[in-house]
Structure formats: C-alpha cells, structure tokens
C-alpha cells in the first residue's frame, strides 16, 4: 500500500464511505502481506467503521419466531422436534402462527435447548 491517510473519527457519511473504500482496497490486496503498521491501521479503521455503523445503521434483533425458525433450519430440526420444547404439535403451530405467545417456560427451554438469546425471545 501507499502512504496511509491519517486516522480520524468518522463524523459524516462521506468519511464513512472513504473508510469503506480504504478497507475494500486493503482486503482486495493481499492482507497477509501487510506490514504490522498497515495491519494496525486497518484494524483501527475497521473499529471506527463498526462504531459508525452501530450508530447510523443499527441492526434490529430478529422477531422471536423468526429466530426460532432460523435456528431450527440451522440445526435441521422440524416442527415435531419442537414438541419437547414448546408442547404438543397444535401448540407449536399456534405459537409459530402468532396465535399463542411464548410463555416464560417455553422461552427458558428454547434458550437452553436451542441456544437462542433470551433477549431475542422475550422481545415483544
């Protein structure tokens, strides 16, 4: 890489876009061949981008049922596999179709057995 620009806070969208271009160029070149100075620079720049994105482009947590369905897909589970966690098949379908809310006991079992954050599950 050539001379690196001075690190500065990302205060505006233009600063953010410039930082993204620099990071893109860094990762398009072979980052494994970077000097320690370059690696440190881009680590700090990536942290600044992360802070800017957190403030300006926050990602909302998923809806509880969508999180459960996604986790089920990851684990290769089907509705029948949820009977131990949620209850009889009709109860599982009621929960998944929004006809019945998750109970505290269900949330605890889902959190424990599927590893989904309780914060996501109690979101209303």
Protein backbone atom coordinates (compact mmCIF):
# COMPACT_ATOMS: atom_id res chain seq x y z
CA UNK A 1 0.00 0.00 0.00
CA UNK A 2 0.98 3.59 -0.38
CA UNK A 3 1.13 6.18 2.37
CA UNK A 4 -1.82 5.74 4.69
CA UNK A 5 -4.13 8.68 5.41
CA UNK A 6 -4.28 9.96 8.96
CA UNK A 7 -6.83 8.15 11.16
CA UNK A 8 -9.71 10.41 12.17
CA UNK A 9 -13.21 9.96 13.54
CA UNK A 10 -15.95 9.12 11.05
CA UNK A 11 -18.29 12.05 11.56
CA UNK A 12 -20.14 12.14 8.26
CA UNK A 13 -21.34 9.75 5.59
CA UNK A 14 -18.50 10.86 3.30
CA UNK A 15 -15.94 9.90 5.98
CA UNK A 16 -17.64 6.51 6.31
CA UNK A 17 -17.66 5.92 2.54
CA UNK A 18 -13.97 6.87 2.29
CA UNK A 19 -13.16 4.43 5.08
CA UNK A 20 -15.08 1.66 3.33
CA UNK A 21 -13.11 2.29 0.12
CA UNK A 22 -9.82 2.10 2.00
CA UNK A 23 -10.86 -1.11 3.74
CA UNK A 24 -12.06 -2.59 0.46
CA UNK A 25 -8.75 -1.83 -1.23
CA UNK A 26 -6.87 -3.33 1.71
CA UNK A 27 -8.84 -6.56 1.63
CA UNK A 28 -8.70 -6.75 -2.17
CA UNK A 29 -4.91 -6.64 -1.96
CA UNK A 30 -3.36 -9.49 -0.06
CA UNK A 31 -3.78 -8.51 3.64
CA UNK A 32 -1.49 -11.36 4.65
CA UNK A 33 1.40 -9.41 3.11
CA UNK A 34 0.63 -6.24 5.08
CA UNK A 35 3.19 -4.68 7.36
CA UNK A 36 2.38 -4.53 11.06
CA UNK A 37 1.78 -0.78 10.66
CA UNK A 38 -0.76 -1.41 7.89
CA UNK A 39 -2.46 -4.19 9.83
CA UNK A 40 -2.78 -1.95 12.90
CA UNK A 41 -4.07 0.95 10.81
CA UNK A 42 -6.79 -1.13 9.18
CA UNK A 43 -7.76 -2.76 12.44
CA UNK A 44 -8.38 0.68 13.94
CA UNK A 45 -10.18 1.83 10.77
CA UNK A 46 -12.42 -1.27 10.89
CA UNK A 47 -13.25 -0.46 14.52
CA UNK A 48 -14.21 3.09 13.53
CA UNK A 49 -16.42 1.76 10.73
CA UNK A 50 -18.08 -0.63 13.18
CA UNK A 51 -18.78 2.21 15.61
CA UNK A 52 -20.21 4.39 12.82
CA UNK A 53 -22.41 1.56 11.53
CA UNK A 54 -23.68 0.77 15.02
CA UNK A 55 -24.77 4.37 15.45
CA UNK A 56 -26.13 5.01 11.95
CA UNK A 57 -27.19 1.60 10.65
CA UNK A 58 -28.26 -0.42 13.68
CA UNK A 59 -29.44 -3.96 13.05
CA UNK A 60 -32.57 -4.81 14.97
CA UNK A 61 -32.69 -8.24 16.56
CA UNK A 62 -34.98 -10.71 14.79
CA UNK A 63 -38.53 -11.38 15.82
CA UNK A 64 -38.62 -14.31 18.27
CA UNK A 65 -40.44 -16.76 15.98
CA UNK A 66 -38.17 -15.91 13.04
CA UNK A 67 -35.14 -16.52 15.28
CA UNK A 68 -36.54 -19.89 16.32
CA UNK A 69 -37.29 -20.91 12.72
CA UNK A 70 -33.81 -19.82 11.62
CA UNK A 71 -32.16 -21.82 14.41
CA UNK A 72 -34.32 -24.83 13.58
CA UNK A 73 -33.14 -24.61 9.97
CA UNK A 74 -29.52 -24.38 11.10
CA UNK A 75 -29.92 -27.48 13.25
CA UNK A 76 -32.03 -29.40 10.73
CA UNK A 77 -35.00 -29.53 13.11
CA UNK A 78 -38.63 -29.93 12.15
CA UNK A 79 -41.88 -28.99 13.88
CA UNK A 80 -42.08 -32.40 15.56
CA UNK A 81 -38.66 -31.75 17.13
CA UNK A 82 -40.13 -28.70 18.90
CA UNK A 83 -42.70 -30.75 20.84
CA UNK A 84 -40.23 -31.31 23.73
CA UNK A 85 -39.61 -27.59 23.90
CA UNK A 86 -42.96 -25.92 23.14
CA UNK A 87 -45.56 -28.62 23.59
CA UNK A 88 -47.97 -30.68 21.50
CA UNK A 89 -47.97 -30.10 17.72
CA UNK A 90 -51.07 -27.90 17.81
CA UNK A 91 -49.39 -25.64 20.41
CA UNK A 92 -46.25 -25.42 18.27
CA UNK A 93 -48.34 -24.37 15.26
CA UNK A 94 -50.26 -21.83 17.36
CA UNK A 95 -47.00 -20.27 18.57
CA UNK A 96 -45.48 -20.23 15.08
CA UNK A 97 -48.62 -18.68 13.59
CA UNK A 98 -48.82 -15.97 16.25
CA UNK A 99 -52.00 -17.33 17.83
CA UNK A 100 -50.29 -18.08 21.15
CA UNK A 101 -47.44 -16.16 22.81
CA UNK A 102 -44.30 -17.78 24.10
CA UNK A 103 -44.55 -18.49 27.80
CA UNK A 104 -41.69 -17.96 30.21
CA UNK A 105 -41.24 -21.72 30.48
CA UNK A 106 -41.06 -22.03 26.67
CA UNK A 107 -38.55 -19.19 26.50
CA UNK A 108 -36.35 -20.90 29.08
CA UNK A 109 -36.48 -24.24 27.24
CA UNK A 110 -35.83 -22.62 23.84
CA UNK A 111 -32.91 -20.66 25.27
CA UNK A 112 -31.45 -23.73 26.94
CA UNK A 113 -32.02 -26.25 24.14
CA UNK A 114 -31.55 -24.08 21.03
CA UNK A 115 -29.10 -21.54 22.39
CA UNK A 116 -31.14 -18.51 21.33
CA UNK A 117 -30.59 -15.43 23.45
CA UNK A 118 -33.37 -14.84 25.95
CA UNK A 119 -33.26 -11.15 24.98
CA UNK A 120 -34.37 -12.11 21.47
CA UNK A 121 -37.09 -14.44 22.74
CA UNK A 122 -38.70 -12.02 25.20
CA UNK A 123 -38.82 -9.22 22.65
CA UNK A 124 -42.42 -8.19 22.12
